[in-house]
Amino acid sequence: LKVGVQVASIHGLFESIEKDWPRIR
């Protein structure tokens, strides 16, 4: 949000990286 991404776009952004998200753990 600080860099200007809209809340509505954030959901899609997270969906696009969902399969890779567990790697950060």
PDB file of all heavy atoms in Angstrom:
ATOM      1  N   LEU A   1       0.832  -1.205   0.000  1.00  0.00           N
ATOM      2  CA  LEU A   1       0.000   0.000   0.000  1.00  0.00           C
ATOM      3  C   LEU A   1       0.867   1.256   0.000  1.00  0.00           C
ATOM      4  O   LEU A   1       0.540   2.241  -0.670  1.00  0.00           O
ATOM      5  CB  LEU A   1      -0.935   0.012   1.216  1.00  0.00           C
ATOM      6  CG  LEU A   1      -2.075  -0.996   1.205  1.00  0.00           C
ATOM      7  CD1 LEU A   1      -2.762  -1.029   2.564  1.00  0.00           C
ATOM      8  CD2 LEU A   1      -3.061  -0.685   0.092  1.00  0.00           C
ATOM      9  N   LYS A   2       1.986   1.216   0.722  1.00  0.00           N
ATOM     10  CA  LYS A   2       2.885   2.369   0.791  1.00  0.00           C
ATOM     11  C   LYS A   2       3.456   2.737  -0.577  1.00  0.00           C
ATOM     12  O   LYS A   2       3.740   3.905  -0.819  1.00  0.00           O
ATOM     13  CB  LYS A   2       4.054   2.091   1.743  1.00  0.00           C
ATOM     14  CG  LYS A   2       3.717   2.167   3.189  1.00  0.00           C
ATOM     15  CD  LYS A   2       4.971   1.912   4.012  1.00  0.00           C
ATOM     16  CE  LYS A   2       4.681   1.827   5.474  1.00  0.00           C
ATOM     17  NZ  LYS A   2       5.900   1.509   6.248  1.00  0.00           N
ATOM     18  N   VAL A   3       3.652   1.748  -1.439  1.00  0.00           N
ATOM     19  CA  VAL A   3       4.220   2.031  -2.765  1.00  0.00           C
ATOM     20  C   VAL A   3       3.135   2.224  -3.824  1.00  0.00           C
ATOM     21  O   VAL A   3       3.432   2.297  -5.010  1.00  0.00           O
ATOM     22  CB  VAL A   3       5.254   0.962  -3.208  1.00  0.00           C
ATOM     23  CG1 VAL A   3       6.431   0.930  -2.261  1.00  0.00           C
ATOM     24  CG2 VAL A   3       4.614  -0.406  -3.353  1.00  0.00           C
ATOM     25  N   GLY A   4       1.872   2.289  -3.412  1.00  0.00           N
ATOM     26  CA  GLY A   4       0.810   2.636  -4.325  1.00  0.00           C
ATOM     27  C   GLY A   4      -0.019   1.505  -4.887  1.00  0.00           C
ATOM     28  O   GLY A   4      -0.874   1.725  -5.739  1.00  0.00           O
ATOM     29  N   VAL A   5       0.194   0.277  -4.431  1.00  0.00           N
ATOM     30  CA  VAL A   5      -0.636  -0.837  -4.895  1.00  0.00           C
ATOM     31  C   VAL A   5      -2.003  -0.714  -4.223  1.00  0.00           C
ATOM     32  O   VAL A   5      -2.091  -0.481  -3.013  1.00  0.00           O
ATOM     33  CB  VAL A   5       0.021  -2.195  -4.569  1.00  0.00           C
ATOM     34  CG1 VAL A   5      -0.867  -3.350  -5.001  1.00  0.00           C
ATOM     35  CG2 VAL A   5       1.394  -2.303  -5.223  1.00  0.00           C
ATOM     36  N   GLN A   6      -3.061  -0.843  -4.995  1.00  0.00           N
ATOM     37  CA  GLN A   6      -4.421  -0.725  -4.472  1.00  0.00           C
ATOM     38  C   GLN A   6      -4.823  -2.007  -3.728  1.00  0.00           C
ATOM     39  O   GLN A   6      -4.392  -3.097  -4.089  1.00  0.00           O
ATOM     40  CB  GLN A   6      -5.404  -0.484  -5.617  1.00  0.00           C
ATOM     41  CG  GLN A   6      -5.122   0.779  -6.399  1.00  0.00           C
ATOM     42  CD  GLN A   6      -5.284   2.024  -5.547  1.00  0.00           C
ATOM     43  OE1 GLN A   6      -6.277   2.183  -4.844  1.00  0.00           O
ATOM     44  NE2 GLN A   6      -4.307   2.911  -5.597  1.00  0.00           N
ATOM     45  N   VAL A   7      -5.663  -1.860  -2.711  1.00  0.00           N
ATOM     46  CA  VAL A   7      -6.128  -3.008  -1.927  1.00  0.00           C
ATOM     47  C   VAL A   7      -6.734  -4.069  -2.842  1.00  0.00           C
ATOM     48  O   VAL A   7      -6.477  -5.255  -2.686  1.00  0.00           O
ATOM     49  CB  VAL A   7      -7.154  -2.577  -0.843  1.00  0.00           C
ATOM     50  CG1 VAL A   7      -7.777  -3.794  -0.162  1.00  0.00           C
ATOM     51  CG2 VAL A   7      -6.488  -1.692   0.192  1.00  0.00           C
ATOM     52  N   ALA A   8      -7.508  -3.637  -3.827  1.00  0.00           N
ATOM     53  CA  ALA A   8      -8.153  -4.587  -4.744  1.00  0.00           C
ATOM     54  C   ALA A   8      -7.123  -5.406  -5.529  1.00  0.00           C
ATOM     55  O   ALA A   8      -7.386  -6.549  -5.891  1.00  0.00           O
ATOM     56  CB  ALA A   8      -9.067  -3.842  -5.712  1.00  0.00           C
ATOM     57  N   SER A   9      -5.944  -4.843  -5.787  1.00  0.00           N
ATOM     58  CA  SER A   9      -4.900  -5.549  -6.539  1.00  0.00           C
ATOM     59  C   SER A   9      -4.067  -6.474  -5.658  1.00  0.00           C
ATOM     60  O   SER A   9      -3.455  -7.418  -6.154  1.00  0.00           O
ATOM     61  CB  SER A   9      -3.964  -4.540  -7.206  1.00  0.00           C
ATOM     62  OG  SER A   9      -4.674  -3.731  -8.098  1.00  0.00           O
ATOM     63  N   ILE A  10      -4.033  -6.192  -4.369  1.00  0.00           N
ATOM     64  CA  ILE A  10      -3.182  -6.973  -3.467  1.00  0.00           C
ATOM     65  C   ILE A  10      -3.647  -8.421  -3.392  1.00  0.00           C
ATOM     66  O   ILE A  10      -2.830  -9.337  -3.369  1.00  0.00           O
ATOM     67  CB  ILE A  10      -3.106  -6.314  -2.074  1.00  0.00           C
ATOM     68  CG1 ILE A  10      -2.357  -4.980  -2.184  1.00  0.00           C
ATOM     69  CG2 ILE A  10      -2.409  -7.228  -1.070  1.00  0.00           C
ATOM     70  CD1 ILE A  10      -2.339  -4.157  -0.911  1.00  0.00           C
ATOM     71  N   HIS A  11      -4.954  -8.648  -3.394  1.00  0.00           N
ATOM     72  CA  HIS A  11      -5.471 -10.017  -3.341  1.00  0.00           C
ATOM     73  C   HIS A  11      -4.959 -10.821  -4.535  1.00  0.00           C
ATOM     74  O   HIS A  11      -4.457 -11.933  -4.376  1.00  0.00           O
ATOM     75  CB  HIS A  11      -6.996 -10.023  -3.300  1.00  0.00           C
ATOM     76  CG  HIS A  11      -7.587 -11.390  -3.232  1.00  0.00           C
ATOM     77  ND1 HIS A  11      -7.537 -12.150  -2.087  1.00  0.00           N
ATOM     78  CD2 HIS A  11      -8.189 -12.152  -4.170  1.00  0.00           C
ATOM     79  CE1 HIS A  11      -8.111 -13.320  -2.325  1.00  0.00           C
ATOM     80  NE2 HIS A  11      -8.512 -13.343  -3.587  1.00  0.00           N
ATOM     81  N   GLY A  12      -5.053 -10.271  -5.728  1.00  0.00           N
ATOM     82  CA  GLY A  12      -4.569 -10.959  -6.927  1.00  0.00           C
ATOM     83  C   GLY A  12      -3.068 -11.173  -6.894  1.00  0.00           C
ATOM     84  O   GLY A  12      -2.568 -12.218  -7.326  1.00  0.00           O
ATOM     85  N   LEU A  13      -2.351 -10.208  -6.353  1.00  0.00           N
ATOM     86  CA  LEU A  13      -0.903 -10.336  -6.218  1.00  0.00           C
ATOM     87  C   LEU A  13      -0.558 -11.525  -5.319  1.00  0.00           C
ATOM     88  O   LEU A  13       0.276 -12.355  -5.674  1.00  0.00           O
ATOM     89  CB  LEU A  13      -0.350  -9.034  -5.647  1.00  0.00           C
ATOM     90  CG  LEU A  13       1.142  -8.900  -5.535  1.00  0.00           C
ATOM     91  CD1 LEU A  13       1.536  -7.457  -5.798  1.00  0.00           C
ATOM     92  CD2 LEU A  13       1.612  -9.314  -4.167  1.00  0.00           C
ATOM     93  N   PHE A  14      -1.230 -11.619  -4.176  1.00  0.00           N
ATOM     94  CA  PHE A  14      -0.980 -12.750  -3.280  1.00  0.00           C
ATOM     95  C   PHE A  14      -1.391 -14.073  -3.914  1.00  0.00           C
ATOM     96  O   PHE A  14      -0.713 -15.080  -3.726  1.00  0.00           O
ATOM     97  CB  PHE A  14      -1.683 -12.563  -1.931  1.00  0.00           C
ATOM     98  CG  PHE A  14      -0.862 -11.802  -0.928  1.00  0.00           C
ATOM     99  CD1 PHE A  14      -1.102 -10.468  -0.690  1.00  0.00           C
ATOM    100  CD2 PHE A  14       0.159 -12.421  -0.237  1.00  0.00           C
ATOM    101  CE1 PHE A  14      -0.348  -9.758   0.225  1.00  0.00           C
ATOM    102  CE2 PHE A  14       0.923 -11.725   0.686  1.00  0.00           C
ATOM    103  CZ  PHE A  14       0.676 -10.387   0.914  1.00  0.00           C
ATOM    104  N   GLU A  15      -2.486 -14.081  -4.669  1.00  0.00           N
ATOM    105  CA  GLU A  15      -2.898 -15.311  -5.354  1.00  0.00           C
ATOM    106  C   GLU A  15      -1.824 -15.778  -6.337  1.00  0.00           C
ATOM    107  O   GLU A  15      -1.586 -16.969  -6.474  1.00  0.00           O
ATOM    108  CB  GLU A  15      -4.215 -15.108  -6.098  1.00  0.00           C
ATOM    109  CG  GLU A  15      -5.428 -15.189  -5.211  1.00  0.00           C
ATOM    110  CD  GLU A  15      -6.724 -15.089  -6.002  1.00  0.00           C
ATOM    111  OE1 GLU A  15      -6.721 -14.606  -7.158  1.00  0.00           O
ATOM    112  OE2 GLU A  15      -7.749 -15.502  -5.446  1.00  0.00           O
ATOM    113  N   SER A  16      -1.164 -14.828  -7.012  1.00  0.00           N
ATOM    114  CA  SER A  16      -0.166 -15.202  -8.005  1.00  0.00           C
ATOM    115  C   SER A  16       1.100 -15.797  -7.389  1.00  0.00           C
ATOM    116  O   SER A  16       1.827 -16.516  -8.062  1.00  0.00           O
ATOM    117  CB  SER A  16       0.183 -14.014  -8.902  1.00  0.00           C
ATOM    118  OG  SER A  16       0.910 -13.038  -8.193  1.00  0.00           O
ATOM    119  N   ILE A  17       1.362 -15.513  -6.129  1.00  0.00           N
ATOM    120  CA  ILE A  17       2.559 -16.069  -5.476  1.00  0.00           C
ATOM    121  C   ILE A  17       2.215 -17.131  -4.435  1.00  0.00           C
ATOM    122  O   ILE A  17       3.100 -17.635  -3.742  1.00  0.00           O
ATOM    123  CB  ILE A  17       3.424 -14.962  -4.821  1.00  0.00           C
ATOM    124  CG1 ILE A  17       2.627 -14.200  -3.759  1.00  0.00           C
ATOM    125  CG2 ILE A  17       4.010 -14.043  -5.869  1.00  0.00           C
ATOM    126  CD1 ILE A  17       3.439 -13.258  -2.917  1.00  0.00           C
ATOM    127  N   GLU A  18       0.945 -17.500  -4.327  1.00  0.00           N
ATOM    128  CA  GLU A  18       0.496 -18.426  -3.273  1.00  0.00           C
ATOM    129  C   GLU A  18       1.267 -19.741  -3.263  1.00  0.00           C
ATOM    130  O   GLU A  18       1.645 -20.230  -2.214  1.00  0.00           O
ATOM    131  CB  GLU A  18      -1.002 -18.684  -3.409  1.00  0.00           C
ATOM    132  CG  GLU A  18      -1.589 -19.438  -2.226  1.00  0.00           C
ATOM    133  CD  GLU A  18      -1.457 -18.691  -0.912  1.00  0.00           C
ATOM    134  OE1 GLU A  18      -1.568 -17.459  -0.893  1.00  0.00           O
ATOM    135  OE2 GLU A  18      -1.216 -19.371   0.110  1.00  0.00           O
ATOM    136  N   LYS A  19       1.521 -20.323  -4.429  1.00  0.00           N
ATOM    137  CA  LYS A  19       2.215 -21.623  -4.451  1.00  0.00           C
ATOM    138  C   LYS A  19       3.656 -21.492  -3.966  1.00  0.00           C
ATOM    139  O   LYS A  19       4.219 -22.445  -3.447  1.00  0.00           O
ATOM    140  CB  LYS A  19       2.155 -22.256  -5.835  1.00  0.00           C
ATOM    141  CG  LYS A  19       2.921 -21.537  -6.914  1.00  0.00           C
ATOM    142  CD  LYS A  19       2.817 -22.291  -8.228  1.00  0.00           C
ATOM    143  CE  LYS A  19       3.440 -21.565  -9.376  1.00  0.00           C
ATOM    144  NZ  LYS A  19       4.829 -21.298  -9.289  1.00  0.00           N
ATOM    145  N   ASP A  20       4.255 -20.307  -4.099  1.00  0.00           N
ATOM    146  CA  ASP A  20       5.633 -20.090  -3.652  1.00  0.00           C
ATOM    147  C   ASP A  20       5.718 -19.575  -2.217  1.00  0.00           C
ATOM    148  O   ASP A  20       6.787 -19.592  -1.620  1.00  0.00           O
ATOM    149  CB  ASP A  20       6.341 -19.088  -4.574  1.00  0.00           C
ATOM    150  CG  ASP A  20       6.534 -19.632  -5.970  1.00  0.00           C
ATOM    151  OD1 ASP A  20       6.713 -20.862  -6.105  1.00  0.00           O
ATOM    152  OD2 ASP A  20       6.499 -18.828  -6.924  1.00  0.00           O
ATOM    153  N   TRP A  21       4.606 -19.102  -1.652  1.00  0.00           N
ATOM    154  CA  TRP A  21       4.619 -18.478  -0.324  1.00  0.00           C
ATOM    155  C   TRP A  21       5.236 -19.370   0.769  1.00  0.00           C
ATOM    156  O   TRP A  21       5.997 -18.880   1.594  1.00  0.00           O
ATOM    157  CB  TRP A  21       3.208 -18.033   0.055  1.00  0.00           C
ATOM    158  CG  TRP A  21       3.164 -17.255   1.341  1.00  0.00           C
ATOM    159  CD1 TRP A  21       2.857 -17.742   2.569  1.00  0.00           C
ATOM    160  CD2 TRP A  21       3.463 -15.871   1.513  1.00  0.00           C
ATOM    161  NE1 TRP A  21       2.927 -16.737   3.504  1.00  0.00           N
ATOM    162  CE2 TRP A  21       3.304 -15.579   2.883  1.00  0.00           C
ATOM    163  CE3 TRP A  21       3.852 -14.848   0.657  1.00  0.00           C
ATOM    164  CZ2 TRP A  21       3.512 -14.305   3.406  1.00  0.00           C
ATOM    165  CZ3 TRP A  21       4.055 -13.585   1.187  1.00  0.00           C
ATOM    166  CH2 TRP A  21       3.896 -13.322   2.542  1.00  0.00           C
ATOM    167  N   PRO A  22       4.958 -20.691   0.795  1.00  0.00           N
ATOM    168  CA  PRO A  22       5.550 -21.512   1.859  1.00  0.00           C
ATOM    169  C   PRO A  22       7.085 -21.496   1.887  1.00  0.00           C
ATOM    170  O   PRO A  22       7.684 -21.782   2.914  1.00  0.00           O
ATOM    171  CB  PRO A  22       5.027 -22.923   1.562  1.00  0.00           C
ATOM    172  CG  PRO A  22       3.752 -22.689   0.824  1.00  0.00           C
ATOM    173  CD  PRO A  22       3.996 -21.456  -0.002  1.00  0.00           C
ATOM    174  N   ARG A  23       7.714 -21.125   0.766  1.00  0.00           N
ATOM    175  CA  ARG A  23       9.186 -21.072   0.742  1.00  0.00           C
ATOM    176  C   ARG A  23       9.754 -20.099   1.763  1.00  0.00           C
ATOM    177  O   ARG A  23      10.858 -20.299   2.244  1.00  0.00           O
ATOM    178  CB  ARG A  23       9.696 -20.680  -0.650  1.00  0.00           C
ATOM    179  CG  ARG A  23       9.513 -21.763  -1.667  1.00  0.00           C
ATOM    180  CD  ARG A  23      10.266 -21.483  -2.933  1.00  0.00           C
ATOM    181  NE  ARG A  23       9.960 -20.152  -3.463  1.00  0.00           N
ATOM    182  CZ  ARG A  23      10.693 -19.527  -4.358  1.00  0.00           C
ATOM    183  NH1 ARG A  23      11.775 -20.082  -4.830  1.00  0.00           N
ATOM    184  NH2 ARG A  23      10.345 -18.338  -4.810  1.00  0.00           N
ATOM    185  N   ILE A  24       9.016 -19.043   2.093  1.00  0.00           N
ATOM    186  CA  ILE A  24       9.576 -18.068   3.037  1.00  0.00           C
ATOM    187  C   ILE A  24       9.632 -18.613   4.454  1.00  0.00           C
ATOM    188  O   ILE A  24      10.284 -18.037   5.308  1.00  0.00           O
ATOM    189  CB  ILE A  24       8.821 -16.715   3.014  1.00  0.00           C
ATOM    190  CG1 ILE A  24       7.400 -16.865   3.522  1.00  0.00           C
ATOM    191  CG2 ILE A  24       8.880 -16.091   1.632  1.00  0.00           C
ATOM    192  CD1 ILE A  24       6.703 -15.555   3.759  1.00  0.00           C
ATOM    193  N   ARG A  25       8.980 -19.760   4.690  1.00  0.00           N
ATOM    194  CA  ARG A  25       9.035 -20.377   6.015  1.00  0.00           C
ATOM    195  C   ARG A  25      10.238 -21.300   6.173  1.00  0.00           C
ATOM    196  O   ARG A  25      10.504 -21.780   7.270  1.00  0.00           O
ATOM    197  CB  ARG A  25       7.749 -21.159   6.278  1.00  0.00           C
ATOM    198  CG  ARG A  25       6.544 -20.238   6.370  1.00  0.00           C
ATOM    199  CD  ARG A  25       5.358 -20.995   6.796  1.00  0.00           C
ATOM    200  NE  ARG A  25       5.561 -21.393   8.179  1.00  0.00           N
ATOM    201  CZ  ARG A  25       4.645 -21.340   9.112  1.00  0.00           C
ATOM    202  NH1 ARG A  25       3.466 -20.916   8.827  1.00  0.00           N
ATOM    203  NH2 ARG A  25       4.899 -21.738  10.328  1.00  0.00           N
TER     204      ARG A  25
END
